Amino acid sequence: MIHRPWMEEYKKWNINPNLVEPAPETTLVHLIDDNLKKFKDRTAFFYEDHAFSYAQIDIYSQKLATFLQQLGVAKGSRIAVMLPNIIQYPIAIYAILRAGYILVNVNPMYTQRELLHQLKDSGAEVLILLDHTLAQFSQLTECETLKYILSTDPFDFILPQHNEQGSRTFDEPNTEAKQRHIHFKTAIDQVEHIQIQSPELAQQDTALLQYTGGTTGISKGAELTHRNILFNIAQNSTVFNSHFGDRVAEPDEYIFCALPLYHIYGFTICLLSYGLFRGFANVLIANPRDLDALIDQYQRHPPTVFPGVNTLFNALIHHPRFKTAHHSRLKSTTGGGAAVLKNIAALWYEITGCHIYEGYGLSETSPTVTFNPPLSRRFSGSIGLPLPGTDIVLLDESGQSVELNQAGEIAIRGPQVMKGYWKQPEATAEVFTADGFFLTGDIGCMNEQGYISLLDRKKDMVLVSGFNVYPNEVEGVLSKHPQVLECAVIGVADEKSGQVPKAFVVKQHHGLTQEDIKLYLREHLTNYKLPKYVEFVEQLPKSAVGKILRKNLR
């Protein structure tokens, strides 16, 4: 029997434990078709200060879906999309799903090796990417399944000189290439009559392959079904309703989309849960590292909702222009992707007047698993409560449940949990228990109210002379040093202790020394948790969503 201490907290914070479940026959195609029409007169996206209505996106995506079907691409074929947050991304995604294909999200920063792995593993028949990146990938002919390449310029839909390209014919195929190269906008403009052959789909059919970040090895394709995504939207709605009520967005309510849409966090939260399902306009940020440009968009399109990650929040609160920006429209800030540090959350609240409500999820869970109730009006320092319809247990090394307030591996069961890893039955079997719980590899503990604290990745834990040291804890203390901008901690081999912690630090002030850091940490951590080594670096390696990659520091 599953113990659910969080049910009392639901009552306290106006959370309805009963999901409004999607009808059994509903798929993402129905959601797209219905809601693009429902919000047709509203702005769906701001991209480079150009507004695109839901009606425009509807027409563009139907034309692209028609074009792909006319090429002869069969239902269930995998189509890889390797684009940043430009307007072509949602057009492509809606077209792919409406035509009955399986979306393969690809990080546009990937190297040729990483791209080829995903193309070959998924068996993708079509690749959509930027014009200027195509020349970097000379080995695409190695992918036997790839038949078509659609390329696009970021400004194709917003600048007149680019729009004129719509009259171009197909590029002549390279005699050495196996794939036919087509311009993205040309494909859309060539379709005069929309003739989508509506695919017969079921909720259990795969909608997308969301490849894991590969932080602990070669990336695997998490097979997410229409049901997984639809139910996660419904689960996210319970949190939205507790805060905003069961309503759609007002015309001037925006969600700030600095998260990459090819990442499952941005995909489900920004594009679908707030955008398509609730009618919020997404403010697309193609390059979140350009903070001045990002803040310009924040000022011009002040958001109601801001989903982000710790590294982005940290960069903004230390930017002088963000400190003086107007934040009165901001009603909800959500943090995920990696732990949000307490001192960063405190500064964010001081500047914006808005708390960061941390949640937790994974590529394998569509992604949302836990949340902090918005009505709590506080940063809890935990990843919150399990979403309605979700069960979580914490397991020891033998697979038995641990007591409350004891550390264990987080295991999840719910309708948002993936079907499995694409064509990897053995890897799938390894991460599921006999009773259907997904083993996350994350270590956490649960208190008496059901709030879960994330301690660390199981594989990142440092074992010092038999004692468990969690890098997140050390990083949380170290980040509070006023002269530390960013930090990361890993375990390194040690003859005496087996392993010891090592800290990597980006300085806020050039005068900071290793001894300064060690003296500071001695005041706050017991001896075995102290980093034996401190190394200063100019920057830390990060994933596409901004998560610090400890594996790259090893």
Protein backbone atom coordinates (compact mmCIF):
# COMPACT_ATOMS: atom_id res chain seq x y z
CA MET A 1 0.00 0.00 0.00
CA ILE A 2 1.32 3.44 -0.97
CA HIS A 3 1.43 5.99 1.83
CA ARG A 4 0.38 9.43 0.54
CA PRO A 5 1.07 12.08 3.20
CA TRP A 6 0.78 14.82 0.55
CA MET A 7 -3.01 14.48 0.29
CA GLU A 8 -3.55 16.75 3.31
CA GLU A 9 -1.31 19.37 1.72
CA TYR A 10 -3.52 19.29 -1.38
CA LYS A 11 -6.47 20.41 0.74
CA LYS A 12 -4.39 23.11 2.39
CA TRP A 13 -3.26 24.67 -0.90
CA ASN A 14 -6.38 24.32 -3.05
CA ILE A 15 -5.05 21.42 -5.13
CA ASN A 16 -7.73 19.18 -6.62
CA PRO A 17 -6.46 15.59 -6.35
CA ASN A 18 -8.91 14.45 -9.02
CA LEU A 19 -7.55 14.95 -12.52
CA VAL A 20 -9.80 16.01 -15.34
CA GLU A 21 -8.56 13.18 -17.49
CA PRO A 22 -8.43 13.49 -21.28
CA ALA A 23 -11.07 11.42 -23.04
CA PRO A 24 -9.70 7.99 -24.07
CA GLU A 25 -10.01 8.77 -27.79
CA THR A 26 -8.20 12.14 -27.51
CA THR A 27 -4.69 12.55 -28.93
CA LEU A 28 -2.32 15.48 -29.28
CA VAL A 29 -3.71 15.95 -32.78
CA HIS A 30 -7.12 16.80 -31.31
CA LEU A 31 -5.51 19.19 -28.82
CA ILE A 32 -3.62 20.99 -31.60
CA ASP A 33 -6.56 21.14 -34.01
CA ASP A 34 -9.05 22.34 -31.41
CA ASN A 35 -6.93 24.90 -29.60
CA LEU A 36 -5.32 26.53 -32.62
CA LYS A 37 -8.85 27.31 -33.73
CA LYS A 38 -10.10 28.19 -30.25
CA PHE A 39 -7.44 30.91 -29.87
CA LYS A 40 -7.21 31.83 -33.57
CA ASP A 41 -7.55 35.59 -33.03
CA ARG A 42 -4.88 35.75 -30.33
CA THR A 43 -1.14 36.11 -30.48
CA ALA A 44 0.53 32.72 -30.12
CA PHE A 45 4.18 33.83 -30.31
CA PHE A 46 6.36 36.89 -30.19
CA TYR A 47 9.52 36.23 -32.15
CA GLU A 48 12.02 39.03 -32.76
CA ASP A 49 9.21 41.50 -31.90
CA HIS A 50 6.95 40.05 -34.59
CA ALA A 51 3.59 38.73 -33.44
CA PHE A 52 2.25 35.47 -34.89
CA SER A 53 -1.39 34.56 -34.28
CA TYR A 54 -2.67 31.08 -33.53
CA ALA A 55 -4.49 31.27 -36.89
CA GLN A 56 -1.21 31.88 -38.75
CA ILE A 57 0.49 28.98 -36.99
CA ASP A 58 -2.54 26.81 -37.80
CA ILE A 59 -2.29 27.50 -41.54
CA TYR A 60 1.51 27.20 -41.73
CA SER A 61 1.53 23.89 -39.86
CA GLN A 62 -1.32 22.42 -41.91
CA LYS A 63 0.54 23.31 -45.11
CA LEU A 64 3.75 21.73 -43.88
CA ALA A 65 1.85 18.61 -42.78
CA THR A 66 0.27 18.41 -46.24
CA PHE A 67 3.66 18.81 -47.90
CA LEU A 68 5.26 16.04 -45.83
CA GLN A 69 2.42 13.64 -46.59
CA GLN A 70 2.65 14.47 -50.28
CA LEU A 71 6.34 13.53 -50.18
CA GLY A 72 5.17 10.06 -49.23
CA VAL A 73 6.43 10.11 -45.63
CA ALA A 74 4.34 7.41 -43.94
CA LYS A 75 2.49 7.60 -40.64
CA GLY A 76 4.76 6.75 -37.70
CA SER A 77 7.92 7.92 -39.47
CA ARG A 78 10.39 9.79 -37.28
CA ILE A 79 11.12 13.40 -38.11
CA ALA A 80 14.04 15.11 -36.39
CA VAL A 81 13.85 18.83 -35.60
CA MET A 82 17.12 20.58 -34.78
CA LEU A 83 16.08 24.19 -34.23
CA PRO A 84 16.43 26.85 -31.53
CA ASN A 85 13.45 28.90 -30.31
CA ILE A 86 12.50 30.38 -33.66
CA ILE A 87 8.99 30.54 -35.11
CA GLN A 88 9.70 27.59 -37.40
CA TYR A 89 9.92 25.29 -34.38
CA PRO A 90 6.22 25.32 -33.35
CA ILE A 91 5.16 25.29 -37.01
CA ALA A 92 7.21 22.13 -37.55
CA ILE A 93 6.13 20.42 -34.33
CA TYR A 94 2.42 20.94 -34.89
CA ALA A 95 2.77 19.78 -38.51
CA ILE A 96 4.63 16.62 -37.51
CA LEU A 97 2.10 15.60 -34.89
CA ARG A 98 -0.92 16.50 -37.03
CA ALA A 99 0.35 14.33 -39.87
CA GLY A 100 0.81 11.31 -37.57
CA TYR A 101 4.60 11.30 -37.38
CA ILE A 102 6.89 10.86 -34.38
CA LEU A 103 8.86 13.94 -33.35
CA VAL A 104 12.56 13.58 -32.55
CA ASN A 105 13.78 16.65 -30.67
CA VAL A 106 17.45 17.45 -31.33
CA ASN A 107 19.65 20.00 -29.60
CA PRO A 108 20.86 22.47 -32.30
CA MET A 109 24.19 22.75 -30.49
CA TYR A 110 24.95 19.08 -31.11
CA THR A 111 28.11 18.00 -32.85
CA GLN A 112 28.00 15.82 -35.96
CA ARG A 113 28.65 12.72 -33.84
CA GLU A 114 25.77 13.49 -31.48
CA LEU A 115 23.39 14.31 -34.33
CA LEU A 116 24.26 11.13 -36.24
CA HIS A 117 23.67 9.06 -33.12
CA GLN A 118 20.13 10.40 -32.76
CA LEU A 119 19.33 10.13 -36.47
CA LYS A 120 20.57 6.56 -36.72
CA ASP A 121 19.09 5.46 -33.40
CA SER A 122 15.65 6.89 -34.19
CA GLY A 123 15.67 5.94 -37.85
CA ALA A 124 14.66 9.49 -38.80
CA GLU A 125 13.53 9.99 -42.40
CA VAL A 126 13.40 13.79 -42.33
CA LEU A 127 15.70 16.34 -40.66
CA ILE A 128 14.73 20.01 -40.18
CA LEU A 129 17.58 22.38 -39.28
CA LEU A 130 19.08 25.82 -39.89
CA ASP A 131 20.60 26.71 -43.26
CA HIS A 132 23.94 27.77 -41.82
CA THR A 133 24.40 24.59 -39.78
CA LEU A 134 23.83 22.23 -42.70
CA ALA A 135 27.35 22.77 -44.05
CA GLN A 136 28.79 21.53 -40.73
CA PHE A 137 27.34 18.06 -41.20
CA SER A 138 29.21 16.42 -44.05
CA GLN A 139 28.50 12.88 -42.86
CA LEU A 140 24.70 12.87 -43.07
CA THR A 141 24.97 10.40 -45.94
CA GLU A 142 25.96 7.84 -43.30
CA CYS A 143 22.36 7.83 -42.06
CA GLU A 144 20.69 5.26 -44.31
CA THR A 145 17.13 6.11 -43.29
CA LEU A 146 17.39 9.88 -43.88
CA LYS A 147 15.55 10.81 -47.10
CA TYR A 148 14.83 14.53 -46.86
CA ILE A 149 16.50 17.58 -45.31
CA LEU A 150 14.51 20.78 -44.82
CA SER A 151 16.61 23.81 -43.94
CA THR A 152 15.56 27.30 -42.93
CA ASP A 153 16.90 30.74 -42.08
CA PRO A 154 15.91 32.16 -38.65
CA PHE A 155 14.43 35.26 -40.35
CA ASP A 156 12.49 33.54 -43.15
CA PHE A 157 9.09 34.45 -41.73
CA ILE A 158 9.79 37.99 -40.55
CA LEU A 159 11.99 39.85 -43.06
CA PRO A 160 10.75 40.73 -46.57
CA GLN A 161 14.00 39.82 -48.28
CA HIS A 162 13.78 36.37 -46.73
CA ASN A 163 10.10 35.98 -47.54
CA GLU A 164 10.96 36.35 -51.20
CA GLN A 165 12.74 33.02 -50.93
CA GLY A 166 9.34 31.41 -50.82
CA SER A 167 9.26 31.45 -54.61
CA ARG A 168 12.43 29.32 -54.86
CA THR A 169 12.19 25.87 -56.36
CA PHE A 170 13.67 22.80 -54.78
CA ASP A 171 17.43 22.80 -54.50
CA GLU A 172 19.09 20.58 -57.04
CA PRO A 173 20.20 17.43 -55.20
CA ASN A 174 23.92 16.98 -54.69
CA THR A 175 25.02 14.00 -56.76
CA GLU A 176 27.00 12.69 -53.76
CA ALA A 177 24.12 13.11 -51.31
CA LYS A 178 21.41 10.55 -50.65
CA GLN A 179 18.96 13.08 -49.24
CA ARG A 180 16.84 15.57 -51.08
CA HIS A 181 17.40 19.11 -49.77
CA ILE A 182 14.33 21.37 -49.61
CA HIS A 183 13.89 24.88 -48.27
CA PHE A 184 11.45 24.98 -45.32
CA LYS A 185 9.47 28.04 -46.42
CA THR A 186 9.45 26.90 -50.03
CA ALA A 187 7.78 23.69 -48.88
CA ILE A 188 5.02 25.64 -47.13
CA ASP A 189 4.50 28.18 -49.90
CA GLN A 190 4.17 25.46 -52.54
CA VAL A 191 1.05 24.03 -50.89
CA GLU A 192 -1.99 25.77 -52.34
CA HIS A 193 -4.63 23.37 -51.00
CA ILE A 194 -4.46 21.88 -47.52
CA GLN A 195 -5.14 18.16 -47.77
CA ILE A 196 -4.03 16.47 -44.55
CA GLN A 197 -4.86 12.80 -44.41
CA SER A 198 -6.01 12.55 -40.79
CA PRO A 199 -4.03 9.73 -39.20
CA GLU A 200 -5.70 7.04 -37.09
CA LEU A 201 -3.94 7.35 -33.76
CA ALA A 202 -4.44 6.03 -30.24
CA GLN A 203 -3.29 7.52 -26.95
CA GLN A 204 -0.73 4.73 -26.50
CA ASP A 205 0.96 5.60 -29.80
CA THR A 206 4.36 7.25 -29.53
CA ALA A 207 4.27 11.02 -30.08
CA LEU A 208 7.92 11.91 -29.56
CA LEU A 209 11.34 10.55 -28.82
CA GLN A 210 12.89 12.76 -26.18
CA TYR A 211 16.53 11.82 -25.89
CA THR A 212 18.02 11.92 -22.44
CA GLY A 213 20.79 14.42 -21.95
CA GLY A 214 23.41 11.70 -21.88
CA THR A 215 24.80 13.09 -18.61
CA THR A 216 25.62 9.56 -17.44
CA GLY A 217 26.32 7.89 -20.78
CA ILE A 218 25.08 7.63 -24.37
CA SER A 219 21.70 9.30 -24.73
CA LYS A 220 18.62 7.11 -25.06
CA GLY A 221 15.29 7.99 -26.65
CA ALA A 222 12.54 8.20 -24.05
CA GLU A 223 9.40 7.06 -25.87
CA LEU A 224 6.64 9.46 -24.84
CA THR A 225 3.09 8.69 -25.94
CA HIS A 226 0.16 10.97 -26.69
CA ARG A 227 -1.26 9.79 -23.36
CA ASN A 228 1.91 10.69 -21.45
CA ILE A 229 1.89 14.28 -22.69
CA LEU A 230 -1.88 14.80 -22.44
CA PHE A 231 -1.95 13.56 -18.86
CA ASN A 232 1.01 15.70 -17.88
CA ILE A 233 -0.79 18.75 -19.26
CA ALA A 234 -3.81 17.77 -17.16
CA GLN A 235 -1.59 17.31 -14.09
CA ASN A 236 0.07 20.69 -14.63
CA SER A 237 -3.42 22.19 -14.89
CA THR A 238 -4.19 21.26 -11.29
CA VAL A 239 -1.33 23.52 -10.20
CA PHE A 240 -2.39 26.29 -12.60
CA ASN A 241 -6.01 26.13 -11.37
CA SER A 242 -4.99 26.41 -7.71
CA HIS A 243 -3.25 29.70 -8.50
CA PHE A 244 -5.11 31.28 -11.44
CA GLY A 245 -8.44 29.46 -11.44
CA ASP A 246 -9.78 27.31 -14.25
CA ARG A 247 -9.50 29.83 -17.05
CA VAL A 248 -7.61 30.62 -20.22
CA ALA A 249 -5.10 33.45 -20.51
CA GLU A 250 -6.06 37.05 -20.95
CA PRO A 251 -4.89 38.46 -24.32
CA ASP A 252 -2.04 40.35 -22.65
CA GLU A 253 -0.74 37.46 -20.54
CA TYR A 254 2.57 36.07 -21.75
CA ILE A 255 4.86 33.21 -20.85
CA PHE A 256 8.55 33.95 -21.17
CA CYS A 257 10.12 31.16 -23.22
CA ALA A 258 13.87 31.27 -22.60
CA LEU A 259 13.88 27.51 -22.08
CA PRO A 260 14.78 25.65 -25.27
CA LEU A 261 11.65 24.16 -26.78
CA TYR A 262 13.52 21.05 -27.91
CA HIS A 263 14.03 20.29 -24.20
CA ILE A 264 11.05 18.54 -22.59
CA TYR A 265 10.73 21.25 -19.89
CA GLY A 266 10.15 24.00 -22.45
CA PHE A 267 8.20 21.71 -24.78
CA THR A 268 5.50 20.63 -22.33
CA ILE A 269 5.35 23.68 -20.05
CA CYS A 270 5.80 26.61 -22.44
CA LEU A 271 4.57 25.30 -25.77
CA LEU A 272 1.72 23.07 -24.61
CA SER A 273 0.57 23.56 -20.99
CA TYR A 274 0.58 27.37 -21.01
CA GLY A 275 0.63 28.13 -24.73
CA LEU A 276 -1.59 25.76 -26.67
CA PHE A 277 -3.78 24.60 -23.77
CA ARG A 278 -4.28 27.94 -21.97
CA GLY A 279 -3.77 30.46 -24.78
CA PHE A 280 -0.74 32.30 -23.40
CA ALA A 281 1.50 34.02 -25.93
CA ASN A 282 5.02 32.59 -25.84
CA VAL A 283 7.81 35.15 -25.98
CA LEU A 284 10.44 33.14 -27.87
CA ILE A 285 14.06 33.70 -26.82
CA ALA A 286 16.38 32.13 -29.38
CA ASN A 287 19.59 32.86 -27.46
CA PRO A 288 19.15 33.12 -23.67
CA ARG A 289 22.88 33.69 -23.23
CA ASP A 290 22.48 37.16 -24.76
CA LEU A 291 21.18 38.69 -21.54
CA ASP A 292 20.79 42.22 -22.90
CA ALA A 293 18.60 41.01 -25.76
CA LEU A 294 16.66 38.80 -23.34
CA ILE A 295 16.02 41.71 -20.99
CA ASP A 296 14.90 43.83 -23.96
CA GLN A 297 12.21 41.24 -24.68
CA TYR A 298 11.30 41.03 -21.00
CA GLN A 299 10.69 44.79 -20.99
CA ARG A 300 8.72 44.85 -24.25
CA HIS A 301 6.60 41.80 -23.45
CA PRO A 302 6.39 41.67 -19.64
CA PRO A 303 5.53 38.09 -18.73
CA THR A 304 2.97 36.68 -16.35
CA VAL A 305 4.82 33.37 -16.12
CA PHE A 306 8.59 32.79 -16.20
CA PRO A 307 9.82 29.17 -16.23
CA GLY A 308 13.58 28.91 -15.87
CA VAL A 309 16.60 27.21 -14.37
CA ASN A 310 18.96 28.14 -11.56
CA THR A 311 21.78 29.31 -13.85
CA LEU A 312 19.47 31.68 -15.75
CA PHE A 313 17.98 33.12 -12.56
CA ASN A 314 21.51 33.59 -11.21
CA ALA A 315 22.67 35.41 -14.35
CA LEU A 316 19.66 37.74 -14.34
CA ILE A 317 19.76 38.74 -10.68
CA HIS A 318 23.38 39.83 -11.15
CA HIS A 319 22.58 41.91 -14.25
CA PRO A 320 22.07 45.61 -13.44
CA ARG A 321 19.41 46.12 -16.11
CA PHE A 322 17.26 43.29 -14.78
CA LYS A 323 17.39 44.76 -11.29
CA THR A 324 15.79 47.98 -12.55
CA ALA A 325 13.27 46.33 -14.91
CA HIS A 326 9.52 46.43 -14.23
CA HIS A 327 8.31 43.18 -12.70
CA SER A 328 4.76 44.07 -11.71
CA ARG A 329 3.20 41.73 -14.29
CA LEU A 330 5.11 38.67 -13.12
CA LYS A 331 2.83 36.32 -11.16
CA SER A 332 4.57 32.95 -11.33
CA THR A 333 8.21 31.83 -11.58
CA THR A 334 8.89 28.12 -11.84
CA GLY A 335 12.27 26.48 -11.44
CA GLY A 336 13.35 23.09 -12.73
CA GLY A 337 16.06 21.28 -14.68
CA ALA A 338 18.41 21.43 -11.68
CA ALA A 339 18.17 22.44 -8.04
CA VAL A 340 17.37 26.12 -7.42
CA LEU A 341 19.66 27.45 -4.71
CA LYS A 342 18.12 29.19 -1.72
CA ASN A 343 20.21 32.36 -1.94
CA ILE A 344 19.36 32.78 -5.62
CA ALA A 345 15.65 32.31 -4.91
CA ALA A 346 15.88 34.94 -2.15
CA LEU A 347 17.52 37.49 -4.47
CA TRP A 348 14.99 36.74 -7.21
CA TYR A 349 12.15 37.48 -4.79
CA GLU A 350 13.88 40.65 -3.57
CA ILE A 351 14.19 41.95 -7.15
CA THR A 352 10.95 40.71 -8.75
CA GLY A 353 8.59 40.33 -5.79
CA CYS A 354 7.83 36.83 -7.07
CA HIS A 355 8.80 33.57 -5.39
CA ILE A 356 10.39 30.74 -7.35
CA TYR A 357 8.26 27.61 -7.11
CA GLU A 358 10.53 24.67 -7.70
CA GLY A 359 9.43 21.48 -9.38
CA TYR A 360 11.04 18.30 -10.60
CA GLY A 361 10.85 16.15 -13.69
CA LEU A 362 12.78 14.16 -16.25
CA SER A 363 12.76 13.46 -19.97
CA GLU A 364 11.25 10.08 -19.09
CA THR A 365 8.30 11.67 -17.27
CA SER A 366 7.01 14.16 -19.86
CA PRO A 367 8.47 15.94 -17.65
CA THR A 368 6.65 17.14 -14.52
CA VAL A 369 6.57 14.92 -11.43
CA THR A 370 6.47 17.26 -8.41
CA PHE A 371 5.52 20.87 -7.69
CA ASN A 372 5.47 23.46 -4.92
CA PRO A 373 1.99 24.93 -4.32
CA PRO A 374 1.86 28.54 -5.61
CA LEU A 375 -0.49 29.57 -2.81
CA SER A 376 2.22 28.69 -0.27
CA ARG A 377 3.90 32.01 -1.20
CA ARG A 378 7.34 30.76 -0.28
CA PHE A 379 10.46 29.11 -1.62
CA SER A 380 10.48 25.78 0.18
CA GLY A 381 13.96 24.53 -0.72
CA SER A 382 12.36 21.24 -1.73
CA ILE A 383 11.09 19.94 -5.07
CA GLY A 384 7.61 19.86 -3.58
CA LEU A 385 4.75 17.37 -3.65
CA PRO A 386 3.91 14.65 -6.20
CA LEU A 387 1.48 15.86 -8.85
CA PRO A 388 -2.07 14.48 -8.66
CA GLY A 389 -2.17 11.04 -10.22
CA THR A 390 1.49 10.45 -9.33
CA ASP A 391 2.85 8.06 -6.72
CA ILE A 392 6.40 8.37 -5.40
CA VAL A 393 8.29 5.99 -3.15
CA LEU A 394 11.89 6.18 -1.94
CA LEU A 395 13.78 2.93 -2.16
CA ASP A 396 16.95 1.60 -0.57
CA GLU A 397 19.60 -0.47 -2.36
CA SER A 398 17.51 -3.65 -1.93
CA GLY A 399 14.43 -2.02 -3.45
CA GLN A 400 12.56 -1.63 -0.15
CA SER A 401 10.78 1.58 0.87
CA VAL A 402 12.66 3.74 3.35
CA GLU A 403 11.11 5.57 6.29
CA LEU A 404 10.15 9.25 6.13
CA ASN A 405 13.12 11.64 6.36
CA GLN A 406 15.48 8.87 5.21
CA ALA A 407 17.45 9.02 1.95
CA GLY A 408 16.42 6.72 -0.88
CA GLU A 409 16.18 6.53 -4.66
CA ILE A 410 13.16 8.37 -6.04
CA ALA A 411 10.83 5.99 -7.88
CA ILE A 412 7.80 7.25 -9.80
CA ARG A 413 4.57 5.72 -11.05
CA GLY A 414 2.02 7.76 -13.00
CA PRO A 415 0.41 8.35 -16.41
CA GLN A 416 3.22 10.72 -17.45
CA VAL A 417 5.92 8.03 -17.20
CA MET A 418 7.34 6.96 -20.57
CA LYS A 419 6.50 3.79 -22.46
CA GLY A 420 10.19 2.89 -22.39
CA TYR A 421 13.48 3.58 -24.14
CA TRP A 422 13.25 3.41 -27.94
CA LYS A 423 14.28 -0.08 -29.12
CA GLN A 424 16.14 -0.77 -25.86
CA PRO A 425 14.11 -3.38 -23.93
CA GLU A 426 17.00 -4.29 -21.62
CA ALA A 427 17.66 -0.65 -20.66
CA THR A 428 13.91 -0.20 -20.13
CA ALA A 429 13.68 -3.26 -17.87
CA GLU A 430 16.57 -1.96 -15.76
CA VAL A 431 14.72 1.25 -14.81
CA PHE A 432 11.32 -0.22 -13.93
CA THR A 433 10.40 -2.18 -10.80
CA ALA A 434 8.11 -5.19 -10.94
CA ASP A 435 5.18 -3.04 -9.79
CA GLY A 436 5.73 -0.38 -12.45
CA PHE A 437 7.78 2.31 -10.67
CA PHE A 438 10.37 4.18 -12.75
CA LEU A 439 13.77 4.36 -11.05
CA THR A 440 15.12 7.87 -11.52
CA GLY A 441 18.67 7.49 -10.24
CA ASP A 442 18.04 10.55 -8.03
CA ILE A 443 18.42 10.42 -4.26
CA GLY A 444 15.89 12.24 -2.11
CA CYS A 445 13.98 12.13 1.15
CA MET A 446 10.34 12.82 2.01
CA ASN A 447 9.06 14.58 5.12
CA GLU A 448 5.84 14.03 7.06
CA GLN A 449 3.84 16.35 4.77
CA GLY A 450 5.00 14.62 1.59
CA TYR A 451 7.51 17.27 0.47
CA ILE A 452 10.53 15.75 -1.22
CA SER A 453 14.05 17.13 -0.94
CA LEU A 454 16.40 16.25 -3.77
CA LEU A 455 19.80 15.33 -2.42
CA ASP A 456 21.69 14.40 -5.57
CA ARG A 457 22.13 12.07 -8.50
CA LYS A 458 22.87 8.56 -7.30
CA LYS A 459 25.93 8.45 -9.56
CA ASP A 460 27.14 11.88 -8.40
CA MET A 461 27.21 10.99 -4.72
CA VAL A 462 30.75 11.08 -3.28
CA LEU A 463 31.71 8.29 -0.87
CA VAL A 464 34.30 9.63 1.57
CA SER A 465 35.63 6.96 3.96
CA GLY A 466 32.18 5.35 3.97
CA PHE A 467 30.29 8.62 4.44
CA ASN A 468 27.86 9.88 1.79
CA VAL A 469 28.60 13.41 0.55
CA TYR A 470 26.02 15.01 -1.75
CA PRO A 471 27.53 17.61 -4.13
CA ASN A 472 24.26 19.59 -4.09
CA GLU A 473 24.69 20.26 -0.38
CA VAL A 474 28.28 21.46 -0.74
CA GLU A 475 27.36 23.59 -3.77
CA GLY A 476 24.45 25.09 -1.85
CA VAL A 477 26.80 26.29 0.90
CA LEU A 478 29.58 27.39 -1.44
CA SER A 479 27.23 29.42 -3.64
CA LYS A 480 26.36 31.63 -0.69
CA HIS A 481 29.90 33.00 -0.54
CA PRO A 482 29.53 36.61 -1.74
CA GLN A 483 32.50 36.31 -4.12
CA VAL A 484 31.38 33.06 -5.80
CA LEU A 485 29.39 33.45 -9.01
CA GLU A 486 28.93 29.76 -9.85
CA CYS A 487 30.27 26.48 -8.55
CA ALA A 488 30.19 22.72 -9.03
CA VAL A 489 31.42 19.82 -6.91
CA ILE A 490 32.46 16.32 -7.98
CA GLY A 491 34.18 13.36 -6.42
CA VAL A 492 37.77 12.47 -7.31
CA ALA A 493 39.82 9.43 -6.36
CA ASP A 494 41.87 9.55 -3.16
CA GLU A 495 44.23 6.89 -1.82
CA LYS A 496 43.32 7.50 1.82
CA SER A 497 39.55 8.14 1.68
CA GLY A 498 38.55 6.40 -1.54
CA GLN A 499 37.00 9.62 -2.81
CA VAL A 500 37.11 13.27 -1.81
CA PRO A 501 35.12 16.30 -3.02
CA LYS A 502 36.63 18.73 -5.49
CA ALA A 503 35.12 22.19 -6.11
CA PHE A 504 35.18 24.16 -9.34
CA VAL A 505 34.51 27.87 -8.85
CA VAL A 506 33.74 30.81 -11.12
CA LYS A 507 34.82 33.96 -9.26
CA GLN A 508 32.60 36.96 -8.67
CA HIS A 509 35.69 38.89 -7.56
CA HIS A 510 39.25 38.34 -8.78
CA GLY A 511 40.71 38.57 -5.25
CA LEU A 512 39.06 35.32 -4.11
CA THR A 513 41.58 32.62 -3.11
CA GLN A 514 41.41 28.89 -2.47
CA GLU A 515 42.12 29.47 1.20
CA ASP A 516 39.23 31.96 1.41
CA ILE A 517 36.89 29.26 0.16
CA LYS A 518 38.21 26.55 2.46
CA LEU A 519 37.97 28.81 5.51
CA TYR A 520 34.38 29.71 4.59
CA LEU A 521 33.32 26.11 4.10
CA ARG A 522 34.88 24.99 7.40
CA GLU A 523 32.37 27.23 9.17
CA HIS A 524 29.41 25.48 7.56
CA LEU A 525 30.33 21.87 6.77
CA THR A 526 31.62 18.92 8.73
CA ASN A 527 35.17 17.89 7.90
CA TYR A 528 34.53 14.93 5.57
CA LYS A 529 32.30 17.11 3.35
CA LEU A 530 34.99 19.72 2.75
CA PRO A 531 36.51 19.84 -0.76
CA LYS A 532 40.10 18.72 -0.66
CA TYR A 533 40.74 20.56 -3.93
CA VAL A 534 39.49 23.91 -5.27
CA GLU A 535 39.99 24.89 -8.91
CA PHE A 536 39.08 28.27 -10.39
CA VAL A 537 37.60 28.24 -13.91
CA GLU A 538 36.32 30.92 -16.28
CA GLN A 539 33.03 29.09 -16.84
CA LEU A 540 31.30 25.81 -16.07
CA PRO A 541 30.07 23.37 -18.73
CA LYS A 542 26.29 23.43 -19.09
CA SER A 543 23.61 21.48 -20.88
CA ALA A 544 21.20 23.08 -23.35
CA VAL A 545 18.76 23.90 -20.59
CA GLY A 546 21.46 25.39 -18.36
CA LYS A 547 22.14 22.45 -16.05
CA ILE A 548 25.78 22.31 -14.92
CA LEU A 549 27.37 19.15 -16.36
CA ARG A 550 29.46 17.58 -13.64
CA LYS A 551 30.42 14.71 -15.96
CA ASN A 552 32.42 17.17 -18.10
CA LEU A 553 34.46 18.15 -15.07
CA ARG A 554 35.57 14.63 -14.24
